[in-house]
PDB file of N, CA and C in Angstrom:
ATOM      1  N   PHE A   1     165.197 170.549  45.604  1.00  0.00           N
ATOM      2  CA  PHE A   1     165.243 170.063  44.246  1.00  0.00           C
ATOM      3  C   PHE A   1     166.156 168.859  44.101  1.00  0.00           C
ATOM      4  N   GLN A   2     167.084 168.694  45.006  1.00  0.00           N
ATOM      5  CA  GLN A   2     167.998 167.561  44.918  1.00  0.00           C
ATOM      6  C   GLN A   2     167.271 166.278  45.303  1.00  0.00           C
ATOM      7  N   HIS A   3     167.505 165.231  44.521  1.00  0.00           N
ATOM      8  CA  HIS A   3     166.969 163.911  44.836  1.00  0.00           C
ATOM      9  C   HIS A   3     168.126 162.925  44.841  1.00  0.00           C
ATOM     10  N   SER A   4     168.100 162.014  45.796  1.00  0.00           N
ATOM     11  CA  SER A   4     169.173 161.026  45.918  1.00  0.00           C
ATOM     12  C   SER A   4     168.621 159.643  45.614  1.00  0.00           C
ATOM     13  N   ALA A   5     169.448 158.634  45.820  1.00  0.00           N
ATOM     14  CA  ALA A   5     169.025 157.254  45.589  1.00  0.00           C
ATOM     15  C   ALA A   5     167.923 156.848  46.565  1.00  0.00           C
ATOM     16  N   VAL A   6     167.896 157.479  47.748  1.00  0.00           N
ATOM     17  CA  VAL A   6     166.871 157.175  48.737  1.00  0.00           C
ATOM     18  C   VAL A   6     165.579 157.936  48.418  1.00  0.00           C
ATOM     19  N   ASP A   7     165.713 159.192  48.036  1.00  0.00           N
ATOM     20  CA  ASP A   7     164.562 160.048  47.720  1.00  0.00           C
ATOM     21  C   ASP A   7     164.547 160.278  46.204  1.00  0.00           C
ATOM     22  N   ARG A   8     163.988 159.312  45.466  1.00  0.00           N
ATOM     23  CA  ARG A   8     163.996 159.350  43.998  1.00  0.00           C
ATOM     24  C   ARG A   8     163.065 160.437  43.471  1.00  0.00           C
ATOM     25  N   ALA A   9     163.416 160.982  42.323  1.00  0.00           N
ATOM     26  CA  ALA A   9     162.563 161.977  41.665  1.00  0.00           C
ATOM     27  C   ALA A   9     161.420 161.263  40.959  1.00  0.00           C
ATOM     28  N   LEU A  10     160.272 161.924  40.894  1.00  0.00           N
ATOM     29  CA  LEU A  10     159.133 161.357  40.184  1.00  0.00           C
ATOM     30  C   LEU A  10     159.412 161.345  38.679  1.00  0.00           C
ATOM     31  N   ILE A  11     158.664 160.537  37.960  1.00  0.00           N
ATOM     32  CA  ILE A  11     158.881 160.399  36.523  1.00  0.00           C
ATOM     33  C   ILE A  11     158.647 161.714  35.783  1.00  0.00           C
ATOM     34  N   ASP A  12     157.779 162.576  36.338  1.00  0.00           N
ATOM     35  CA  ASP A  12     157.486 163.845  35.670  1.00  0.00           C
ATOM     36  C   ASP A  12     158.188 165.037  36.321  1.00  0.00           C
ATOM     37  N   ASP A  13     159.243 164.783  37.063  1.00  0.00           N
ATOM     38  CA  ASP A  13     159.992 165.864  37.700  1.00  0.00           C
ATOM     39  C   ASP A  13     160.625 166.741  36.616  1.00  0.00           C
ATOM     40  N   PRO A  14     160.321 168.033  36.603  1.00  0.00           N
ATOM     41  CA  PRO A  14     160.827 168.889  35.526  1.00  0.00           C
ATOM     42  C   PRO A  14     162.330 169.129  35.584  1.00  0.00           C
ATOM     43  N   TYR A  15     162.985 168.823  36.687  1.00  0.00           N
ATOM     44  CA  TYR A  15     164.414 169.063  36.813  1.00  0.00           C
ATOM     45  C   TYR A  15     165.249 167.806  36.606  1.00  0.00           C
ATOM     46  N   ASP A  16     164.627 166.673  36.423  1.00  0.00           N
ATOM     47  CA  ASP A  16     165.350 165.425  36.155  1.00  0.00           C
ATOM     48  C   ASP A  16     165.457 165.274  34.634  1.00  0.00           C
ATOM     49  N   TYR A  17     166.423 165.964  34.042  1.00  0.00           N
ATOM     50  CA  TYR A  17     166.517 166.040  32.584  1.00  0.00           C
ATOM     51  C   TYR A  17     166.858 164.703  31.934  1.00  0.00           C
ATOM     52  N   ASN A  18     167.713 163.916  32.550  1.00  0.00           N
ATOM     53  CA  ASN A  18     168.085 162.636  31.941  1.00  0.00           C
ATOM     54  C   ASN A  18     167.205 161.484  32.416  1.00  0.00           C
ATOM     55  N   ARG A  19     166.191 161.762  33.202  1.00  0.00           N
ATOM     56  CA  ARG A  19     165.175 160.796  33.647  1.00  0.00           C
ATOM     57  C   ARG A  19     165.770 159.539  34.289  1.00  0.00           C
ATOM     58  N   ASP A  20     166.793 159.759  35.117  1.00  0.00           N
ATOM     59  CA  ASP A  20     167.371 158.625  35.834  1.00  0.00           C
ATOM     60  C   ASP A  20     166.840 158.505  37.253  1.00  0.00           C
ATOM     61  N   GLY A  21     165.883 159.360  37.620  1.00  0.00           N
ATOM     62  CA  GLY A  21     165.309 159.309  38.958  1.00  0.00           C
ATOM     63  C   GLY A  21     166.087 160.115  39.974  1.00  0.00           C
ATOM     64  N   LEU A  22     167.175 160.728  39.561  1.00  0.00           N
ATOM     65  CA  LEU A  22     168.001 161.537  40.445  1.00  0.00           C
ATOM     66  C   LEU A  22     168.113 162.943  39.875  1.00  0.00           C
ATOM     67  N   VAL A  23     167.980 163.936  40.723  1.00  0.00           N
ATOM     68  CA  VAL A  23     168.288 165.310  40.319  1.00  0.00           C
ATOM     69  C   VAL A  23     169.622 165.615  40.974  1.00  0.00           C
ATOM     70  N   ASP A  24     170.667 165.623  40.159  1.00  0.00           N
ATOM     71  CA  ASP A  24     172.010 165.752  40.692  1.00  0.00           C
ATOM     72  C   ASP A  24     172.848 166.655  39.784  1.00  0.00           C
ATOM     73  N   ALA A  25     174.146 166.572  39.936  1.00  0.00           N
ATOM     74  CA  ALA A  25     175.058 167.420  39.168  1.00  0.00           C
ATOM     75  C   ALA A  25     174.941 167.166  37.667  1.00  0.00           C
ATOM     76  N   THR A  26     174.622 165.945  37.273  1.00  0.00           N
ATOM     77  CA  THR A  26     174.460 165.644  35.848  1.00  0.00           C
ATOM     78  C   THR A  26     173.330 166.473  35.255  1.00  0.00           C
ATOM     79  N   ASP A  27     172.230 166.574  35.966  1.00  0.00           N
ATOM     80  CA  ASP A  27     171.106 167.379  35.493  1.00  0.00           C
ATOM     81  C   ASP A  27     171.463 168.864  35.473  1.00  0.00           C
ATOM     82  N   GLN A  28     172.263 169.313  36.424  1.00  0.00           N
ATOM     83  CA  GLN A  28     172.704 170.708  36.435  1.00  0.00           C
ATOM     84  C   GLN A  28     173.586 171.004  35.228  1.00  0.00           C
ATOM     85  N   ILE A  29     174.459 170.074  34.881  1.00  0.00           N
ATOM     86  CA  ILE A  29     175.326 170.260  33.712  1.00  0.00           C
ATOM     87  C   ILE A  29     174.494 170.288  32.435  1.00  0.00           C
ATOM     88  N   ILE A  30     173.504 169.405  32.352  1.00  0.00           N
ATOM     89  CA  ILE A  30     172.617 169.389  31.178  1.00  0.00           C
ATOM     90  C   ILE A  30     171.892 170.724  31.056  1.00  0.00           C
ATOM     91  N   ALA A  31     171.383 171.247  32.161  1.00  0.00           N
ATOM     92  CA  ALA A  31     170.673 172.527  32.142  1.00  0.00           C
ATOM     93  C   ALA A  31     171.607 173.665  31.757  1.00  0.00           C
ATOM     94  N   ARG A  32     172.828 173.650  32.272  1.00  0.00           N
ATOM     95  CA  ARG A  32     173.776 174.723  31.978  1.00  0.00           C
ATOM     96  C   ARG A  32     174.203 174.710  30.517  1.00  0.00           C
ATOM     97  N   ASN A  33     174.380 173.514  29.937  1.00  0.00           N
ATOM     98  CA  ASN A  33     174.846 173.410  28.553  1.00  0.00           C
ATOM     99  C   ASN A  33     173.736 173.586  27.518  1.00  0.00           C
ATOM    100  N   ASN A  34     172.494 173.589  27.946  1.00  0.00           N
ATOM    101  CA  ASN A  34     171.374 173.692  27.004  1.00  0.00           C
ATOM    102  C   ASN A  34     170.449 174.841  27.364  1.00  0.00           C
ATOM    103  N   GLN A  35     171.025 176.006  27.536  1.00  0.00           N
ATOM    104  CA  GLN A  35     170.218 177.174  27.869  1.00  0.00           C
ATOM    105  C   GLN A  35     169.444 177.633  26.636  1.00  0.00           C
ATOM    106  N   THR A  36     168.266 178.184  26.876  1.00  0.00           N
ATOM    107  CA  THR A  36     167.458 178.720  25.780  1.00  0.00           C
ATOM    108  C   THR A  36     167.329 180.220  25.928  1.00  0.00           C
ATOM    109  N   ASN A  37     167.073 180.850  24.795  1.00  0.00           N
ATOM    110  CA  ASN A  37     166.794 182.281  24.762  1.00  0.00           C
ATOM    111  C   ASN A  37     165.593 182.478  23.846  1.00  0.00           C
ATOM    112  N   PRO A  38     165.105 183.685  23.698  1.00  0.00           N
ATOM    113  CA  PRO A  38     163.915 183.874  22.852  1.00  0.00           C
ATOM    114  C   PRO A  38     164.085 183.386  21.409  1.00  0.00           C
ATOM    115  N   LEU A  39     165.306 183.320  20.913  1.00  0.00           N
ATOM    116  CA  LEU A  39     165.512 182.852  19.541  1.00  0.00           C
ATOM    117  C   LEU A  39     165.511 181.331  19.431  1.00  0.00           C
ATOM    118  N   THR A  40     165.915 180.642  20.506  1.00  0.00           N
ATOM    119  CA  THR A  40     166.014 179.182  20.445  1.00  0.00           C
ATOM    120  C   THR A  40     164.916 178.465  21.209  1.00  0.00           C
ATOM    121  N   MET A  41     164.012 179.211  21.819  1.00  0.00           N
ATOM    122  CA  MET A  41     162.974 178.560  22.624  1.00  0.00           C
ATOM    123  C   MET A  41     161.992 177.797  21.734  1.00  0.00           C
ATOM    124  N   LEU A  42     161.373 176.813  22.310  1.00  0.00           N
ATOM    125  CA  LEU A  42     160.397 175.993  21.614  1.00  0.00           C
ATOM    126  C   LEU A  42     159.082 176.747  21.537  1.00  0.00           C
ATOM    127  N   ARG A  43     158.591 176.909  20.331  1.00  0.00           N
ATOM    128  CA  ARG A  43     157.326 177.619  20.137  1.00  0.00           C
ATOM    129  C   ARG A  43     156.211 176.595  19.995  1.00  0.00           C
ATOM    130  N   LEU A  44     155.325 176.568  20.954  1.00  0.00           N
ATOM    131  CA  LEU A  44     154.227 175.612  20.957  1.00  0.00           C
ATOM    132  C   LEU A  44     153.004 176.238  20.310  1.00  0.00           C
ATOM    133  N   ILE A  45     152.379 175.487  19.414  1.00  0.00           N
ATOM    134  CA  ILE A  45     151.164 175.962  18.760  1.00  0.00           C
ATOM    135  C   ILE A  45     150.080 174.918  18.935  1.00  0.00           C
ATOM    136  N   THR A  46     148.854 175.330  18.791  1.00  0.00           N
ATOM    137  CA  THR A  46     147.729 174.411  18.836  1.00  0.00           C
ATOM    138  C   THR A  46     146.922 174.611  17.567  1.00  0.00           C
ATOM    139  N   ALA A  47     146.869 173.592  16.747  1.00  0.00           N
ATOM    140  CA  ALA A  47     146.091 173.659  15.513  1.00  0.00           C
ATOM    141  C   ALA A  47     144.835 172.829  15.690  1.00  0.00           C
ATOM    142  N   SER A  48     143.754 173.330  15.169  1.00  0.00           N
ATOM    143  CA  SER A  48     142.501 172.600  15.242  1.00  0.00           C
ATOM    144  C   SER A  48     142.537 171.470  14.221  1.00  0.00           C
ATOM    145  N   ALA A  49     142.502 170.251  14.673  1.00  0.00           N
ATOM    146  CA  ALA A  49     142.591 169.098  13.770  1.00  0.00           C
ATOM    147  C   ALA A  49     141.385 169.005  12.861  1.00  0.00           C
ATOM    148  N   GLN A  50     140.228 169.381  13.339  1.00  0.00           N
ATOM    149  CA  GLN A  50     139.016 169.283  12.532  1.00  0.00           C
ATOM    150  C   GLN A  50     139.066 170.267  11.368  1.00  0.00           C
ATOM    151  N   ASP A  51     139.522 171.489  11.602  1.00  0.00           N
ATOM    152  CA  ASP A  51     139.592 172.477  10.532  1.00  0.00           C
ATOM    153  C   ASP A  51     140.595 172.069   9.462  1.00  0.00           C
ATOM    154  N   VAL A  52     141.723 171.531   9.869  1.00  0.00           N
ATOM    155  CA  VAL A  52     142.741 171.112   8.912  1.00  0.00           C
ATOM    156  C   VAL A  52     142.228 169.958   8.065  1.00  0.00           C
ATOM    157  N   ALA A  53     141.600 168.980   8.684  1.00  0.00           N
ATOM    158  CA  ALA A  53     141.080 167.831   7.939  1.00  0.00           C
ATOM    159  C   ALA A  53     139.979 168.254   6.982  1.00  0.00           C
ATOM    160  N   THR A  54     139.114 169.147   7.402  1.00  0.00           N
ATOM    161  CA  THR A  54     138.038 169.622   6.534  1.00  0.00           C
ATOM    162  C   THR A  54     138.603 170.385   5.351  1.00  0.00           C
ATOM    163  N   LYS A  55     139.593 171.202   5.596  1.00  0.00           N
ATOM    164  CA  LYS A  55     140.203 171.986   4.523  1.00  0.00           C
ATOM    165  C   LYS A  55     140.872 171.076   3.499  1.00  0.00           C
ATOM    166  N   GLN A  56     141.565 170.045   3.972  1.00  0.00           N
ATOM    167  CA  GLN A  56     142.242 169.130   3.051  1.00  0.00           C
ATOM    168  C   GLN A  56     141.252 168.368   2.193  1.00  0.00           C
ATOM    169  N   THR A  57     140.152 167.923   2.758  1.00  0.00           N
ATOM    170  CA  THR A  57     139.188 167.152   1.970  1.00  0.00           C
ATOM    171  C   THR A  57     138.461 168.027   0.973  1.00  0.00           C
ATOM    172  N   THR A  58     138.246 169.288   1.284  1.00  0.00           N
ATOM    173  CA  THR A  58     137.563 170.166   0.329  1.00  0.00           C
ATOM    174  C   THR A  58     138.495 170.621  -0.776  1.00  0.00           C
ATOM    175  N   GLU A  59     139.804 170.652  -0.526  1.00  0.00           N
ATOM    176  CA  GLU A  59     140.752 171.096  -1.539  1.00  0.00           C
ATOM    177  C   GLU A  59     141.123 169.991  -2.518  1.00  0.00           C
ATOM    178  N   LEU A  60     140.894 168.744  -2.168  1.00  0.00           N
ATOM    179  CA  LEU A  60     141.268 167.647  -3.049  1.00  0.00           C
ATOM    180  C   LEU A  60     140.372 167.613  -4.277  1.00  0.00           C
ATOM    181  N   GLU A  61     140.998 167.457  -5.421  1.00  0.00           N
ATOM    182  CA  GLU A  61     140.247 167.328  -6.661  1.00  0.00           C
ATOM    183  C   GLU A  61     140.198 165.854  -7.031  1.00  0.00           C
ATOM    184  N   PRO A  62     139.116 165.412  -7.647  1.00  0.00           N
ATOM    185  CA  PRO A  62     139.061 164.009  -8.056  1.00  0.00           C
ATOM    186  C   PRO A  62     140.089 163.732  -9.147  1.00  0.00           C
ATOM    187  N   LEU A  63     140.681 162.567  -9.090  1.00  0.00           N
ATOM    188  CA  LEU A  63     141.676 162.185 -10.091  1.00  0.00           C
ATOM    189  C   LEU A  63     140.994 161.847 -11.400  1.00  0.00           C
ATOM    190  N   SER A  64     141.560 162.348 -12.462  1.00  0.00           N
ATOM    191  CA  SER A  64     140.990 162.006 -13.760  1.00  0.00           C
ATOM    192  C   SER A  64     141.507 160.634 -14.170  1.00  0.00           C
ATOM    193  N   PRO A  65     140.716 159.855 -14.909  1.00  0.00           N
ATOM    194  CA  PRO A  65     141.158 158.521 -15.323  1.00  0.00           C
ATOM    195  C   PRO A  65     142.414 158.568 -16.184  1.00  0.00           C
ATOM    196  N   LYS A  66     142.590 159.646 -16.936  1.00  0.00           N
ATOM    197  CA  LYS A  66     143.766 159.766 -17.799  1.00  0.00           C
ATOM    198  C   LYS A  66     145.039 159.842 -16.964  1.00  0.00           C
ATOM    199  N   ILE A  67     145.009 160.639 -15.895  1.00  0.00           N
ATOM    200  CA  ILE A  67     146.175 160.764 -15.024  1.00  0.00           C
ATOM    201  C   ILE A  67     146.427 159.449 -14.303  1.00  0.00           C
ATOM    202  N   LEU A  68     145.376 158.825 -13.831  1.00  0.00           N
ATOM    203  CA  LEU A  68     145.530 157.567 -13.121  1.00  0.00           C
ATOM    204  C   LEU A  68     146.137 156.499 -14.023  1.00  0.00           C
ATOM    205  N   ALA A  69     145.689 156.430 -15.274  1.00  0.00           N
ATOM    206  CA  ALA A  69     146.232 155.448 -16.207  1.00  0.00           C
ATOM    207  C   ALA A  69     147.696 155.736 -16.494  1.00  0.00           C
ATOM    208  N   ALA A  70     148.039 157.003 -16.634  1.00  0.00           N
ATOM    209  CA  ALA A  70     149.432 157.363 -16.895  1.00  0.00           C
ATOM    210  C   ALA A  70     150.311 157.005 -15.705  1.00  0.00           C
ATOM    211  N   ASP A  71     149.794 157.181 -14.506  1.00  0.00           N
ATOM    212  CA  ASP A  71     150.570 156.845 -13.319  1.00  0.00           C
ATOM    213  C   ASP A  71     150.796 155.345 -13.186  1.00  0.00           C
ATOM    214  N   LEU A  72     149.883 154.532 -13.704  1.00  0.00           N
ATOM    215  CA  LEU A  72     149.992 153.085 -13.549  1.00  0.00           C
ATOM    216  C   LEU A  72     150.662 152.394 -14.735  1.00  0.00           C
ATOM    217  N   ASP A  73     151.030 153.145 -15.772  1.00  0.00           N
ATOM    218  CA  ASP A  73     151.693 152.536 -16.925  1.00  0.00           C
ATOM    219  C   ASP A  73     152.990 151.843 -16.530  1.00  0.00           C
ATOM    220  N   TRP A  74     153.751 152.458 -15.643  1.00  0.00           N
ATOM    221  CA  TRP A  74     155.012 151.858 -15.231  1.00  0.00           C
ATOM    222  C   TRP A  74     154.776 150.516 -14.554  1.00  0.00           C
ATOM    223  N   LEU A  75     153.676 150.404 -13.801  1.00  0.00           N
ATOM    224  CA  LEU A  75     153.377 149.158 -13.108  1.00  0.00           C
ATOM    225  C   LEU A  75     153.037 148.055 -14.102  1.00  0.00           C
ATOM    226  N   TYR A  76     152.274 148.402 -15.130  1.00  0.00           N
ATOM    227  CA  TYR A  76     151.927 147.429 -16.162  1.00  0.00           C
ATOM    228  C   TYR A  76     153.194 146.931 -16.856  1.00  0.00           C
ATOM    229  N   GLU A  77     154.078 147.848 -17.230  1.00  0.00           N
ATOM    230  CA  GLU A  77     155.325 147.456 -17.896  1.00  0.00           C
ATOM    231  C   GLU A  77     156.188 146.593 -16.979  1.00  0.00           C
ATOM    232  N   PHE A  78     156.257 146.948 -15.721  1.00  0.00           N
ATOM    233  CA  PHE A  78     157.056 146.180 -14.770  1.00  0.00           C
ATOM    234  C   PHE A  78     156.523 144.760 -14.625  1.00  0.00           C
ATOM    235  N   GLU A  79     155.211 144.632 -14.467  1.00  0.00           N
ATOM    236  CA  GLU A  79     154.621 143.300 -14.318  1.00  0.00           C
ATOM    237  C   GLU A  79     154.798 142.472 -15.581  1.00  0.00           C
ATOM    238  N   ARG A  80     154.673 143.118 -16.727  1.00  0.00           N
ATOM    239  CA  ARG A  80     154.831 142.401 -17.989  1.00  0.00           C
ATOM    240  C   ARG A  80     156.260 141.877 -18.137  1.00  0.00           C
ATOM    241  N   MET A  81     157.237 142.694 -17.808  1.00  0.00           N
ATOM    242  CA  MET A  81     158.634 142.277 -17.918  1.00  0.00           C
ATOM    243  C   MET A  81     158.970 141.201 -16.891  1.00  0.00           C
ATOM    244  N   SER A  82     158.425 141.325 -15.689  1.00  0.00           N
ATOM    245  CA  SER A  82     158.753 140.336 -14.665  1.00  0.00           C
ATOM    246  C   SER A  82     158.130 138.985 -14.985  1.00  0.00           C
ATOM    247  N   THR A  83     156.925 138.953 -15.554  1.00  0.00           N
ATOM    248  CA  THR A  83     156.336 137.664 -15.925  1.00  0.00           C
ATOM    249  C   THR A  83     157.045 137.081 -17.134  1.00  0.00           C
ATOM    250  N   LYS A  84     157.535 137.942 -18.010  1.00  0.00           N
ATOM    251  CA  LYS A  84     158.281 137.474 -19.176  1.00  0.00           C
ATOM    252  C   LYS A  84     159.584 136.804 -18.734  1.00  0.00           C
ATOM    253  N   ASN A  85     160.230 137.382 -17.739  1.00  0.00           N
ATOM    254  CA  ASN A  85     161.490 136.828 -17.251  1.00  0.00           C
ATOM    255  C   ASN A  85     161.285 135.621 -16.351  1.00  0.00           C
ATOM    256  N   ASN A  86     160.107 135.438 -15.813  1.00  0.00           N
ATOM    257  CA  ASN A  86     159.844 134.329 -14.899  1.00  0.00           C
ATOM    258  C   ASN A  86     159.299 133.086 -15.586  1.00  0.00           C
ATOM    259  N   ARG A  87     159.143 133.130 -16.888  1.00  0.00           N
ATOM    260  CA  ARG A  87     158.669 131.937 -17.584  1.00  0.00           C
ATOM    261  C   ARG A  87     159.696 130.825 -17.420  1.00  0.00           C
ATOM    262  N   PRO A  88     159.228 129.595 -17.274  1.00  0.00           N
ATOM    263  CA  PRO A  88     160.185 128.499 -17.121  1.00  0.00           C
ATOM    264  C   PRO A  88     160.989 128.312 -18.405  1.00  0.00           C
ATOM    265  N   LYS A  89     162.272 128.118 -18.257  1.00  0.00           N
ATOM    266  CA  LYS A  89     163.163 127.918 -19.402  1.00  0.00           C
ATOM    267  C   LYS A  89     162.958 126.507 -19.953  1.00  0.00           C
ATOM    268  N   ARG A  90     162.874 126.442 -21.269  1.00  0.00           N
ATOM    269  CA  ARG A  90     162.705 125.130 -21.900  1.00  0.00           C
ATOM    270  C   ARG A  90     164.077 124.581 -22.274  1.00  0.00           C
ATOM    271  N   SER A  91     164.208 123.305 -22.124  1.00  0.00           N
ATOM    272  CA  SER A  91     165.478 122.676 -22.483  1.00  0.00           C
ATOM    273  C   SER A  91     165.558 122.514 -23.995  1.00  0.00           C
ATOM    274  N   SER A  92     166.736 122.240 -24.489  1.00  0.00           N
ATOM    275  CA  SER A  92     166.924 122.068 -25.935  1.00  0.00           C
ATOM    276  C   SER A  92     166.157 120.840 -26.436  1.00  0.00           C
ATOM    277  N   VAL A  93     165.980 119.827 -25.595  1.00  0.00           N
ATOM    278  CA  VAL A  93     165.221 118.636 -25.987  1.00  0.00           C
ATOM    279  C   VAL A  93     163.756 119.014 -26.203  1.00  0.00           C
ATOM    280  N   GLU A  94     163.192 119.790 -25.286  1.00  0.00           N
ATOM    281  CA  GLU A  94     161.799 120.212 -25.435  1.00  0.00           C
ATOM    282  C   GLU A  94     161.614 121.073 -26.676  1.00  0.00           C
ATOM    283  N   GLU A  95     162.572 121.940 -26.960  1.00  0.00           N
ATOM    284  CA  GLU A  95     162.479 122.768 -28.160  1.00  0.00           C
ATOM    285  C   GLU A  95     162.539 121.902 -29.416  1.00  0.00           C
ATOM    286  N   ALA A  96     163.398 120.877 -29.414  1.00  0.00           N
ATOM    287  CA  ALA A  96     163.506 119.988 -30.579  1.00  0.00           C
ATOM    288  C   ALA A  96     162.213 119.209 -30.787  1.00  0.00           C
ATOM    289  N   VAL A  97     161.608 118.734 -29.705  1.00  0.00           N
ATOM    290  CA  VAL A  97     160.345 118.003 -29.813  1.00  0.00           C
ATOM    291  C   VAL A  97     159.257 118.923 -30.345  1.00  0.00           C
ATOM    292  N   ASP A  98     159.184 120.130 -29.845  1.00  0.00           N
ATOM    293  CA  ASP A  98     158.193 121.086 -30.338  1.00  0.00           C
ATOM    294  C   ASP A  98     158.405 121.395 -31.811  1.00  0.00           C
ATOM    295  N   LEU A  99     159.651 121.509 -32.230  1.00  0.00           N
ATOM    296  CA  LEU A  99     159.946 121.776 -33.643  1.00  0.00           C
ATOM    297  C   LEU A  99     159.528 120.598 -34.510  1.00  0.00           C
ATOM    298  N   LEU A 100     159.788 119.373 -34.065  1.00  0.00           N
ATOM    299  CA  LEU A 100     159.380 118.186 -34.824  1.00  0.00           C
ATOM    300  C   LEU A 100     157.861 118.095 -34.926  1.00  0.00           C
ATOM    301  N   ILE A 101     157.177 118.357 -33.844  1.00  0.00           N
ATOM    302  CA  ILE A 101     155.712 118.310 -33.865  1.00  0.00           C
ATOM    303  C   ILE A 101     155.173 119.367 -34.817  1.00  0.00           C
ATOM    304  N   ALA A 102     155.769 120.541 -34.802  1.00  0.00           N
ATOM    305  CA  ALA A 102     155.300 121.620 -35.671  1.00  0.00           C
ATOM    306  C   ALA A 102     155.547 121.291 -37.138  1.00  0.00           C
ATOM    307  N   THR A 103     156.674 120.666 -37.473  1.00  0.00           N
ATOM    308  CA  THR A 103     156.972 120.352 -38.877  1.00  0.00           C
ATOM    309  C   THR A 103     156.205 119.129 -39.350  1.00  0.00           C
ATOM    310  N   GLU A 104     155.869 118.206 -38.474  1.00  0.00           N
ATOM    311  CA  GLU A 104     155.119 117.011 -38.848  1.00  0.00           C
ATOM    312  C   GLU A 104     153.672 117.339 -39.186  1.00  0.00           C
ATOM    313  N   SER A 105     153.133 118.364 -38.536  1.00  0.00           N
ATOM    314  CA  SER A 105     151.723 118.669 -38.761  1.00  0.00           C
ATOM    315  C   SER A 105     151.495 119.413 -40.068  1.00  0.00           C
ATOM    316  N   ILE A 106     152.544 119.851 -40.736  1.00  0.00           N
ATOM    317  CA  ILE A 106     152.377 120.585 -41.996  1.00  0.00           C
ATOM    318  C   ILE A 106     152.182 119.649 -43.131  1.00  0.00           C
TER     319      ILE A 106
END
């Protein structure tokens, strides 16, 4: 099980825990400090991806337009406020000219 710099461990060697290509004292320390028992062991499961996807698509209900509109109200308000704040600022000269034009046309 020991591998040295001359006899490197393969990439999939189950005893080369730190994947440095060597099975040495470092790997032994890692194994000793990370022991598993039935309570801490990794439980592997296999779920059928097709069954899960089918179940999710059949359980989904179509969104009602009322809910969709309510969800998008915040976006409408945000866009309205951001365009309001992004309008170009008019100078006092432009405002005075606009006021004169408005009063002259009356």
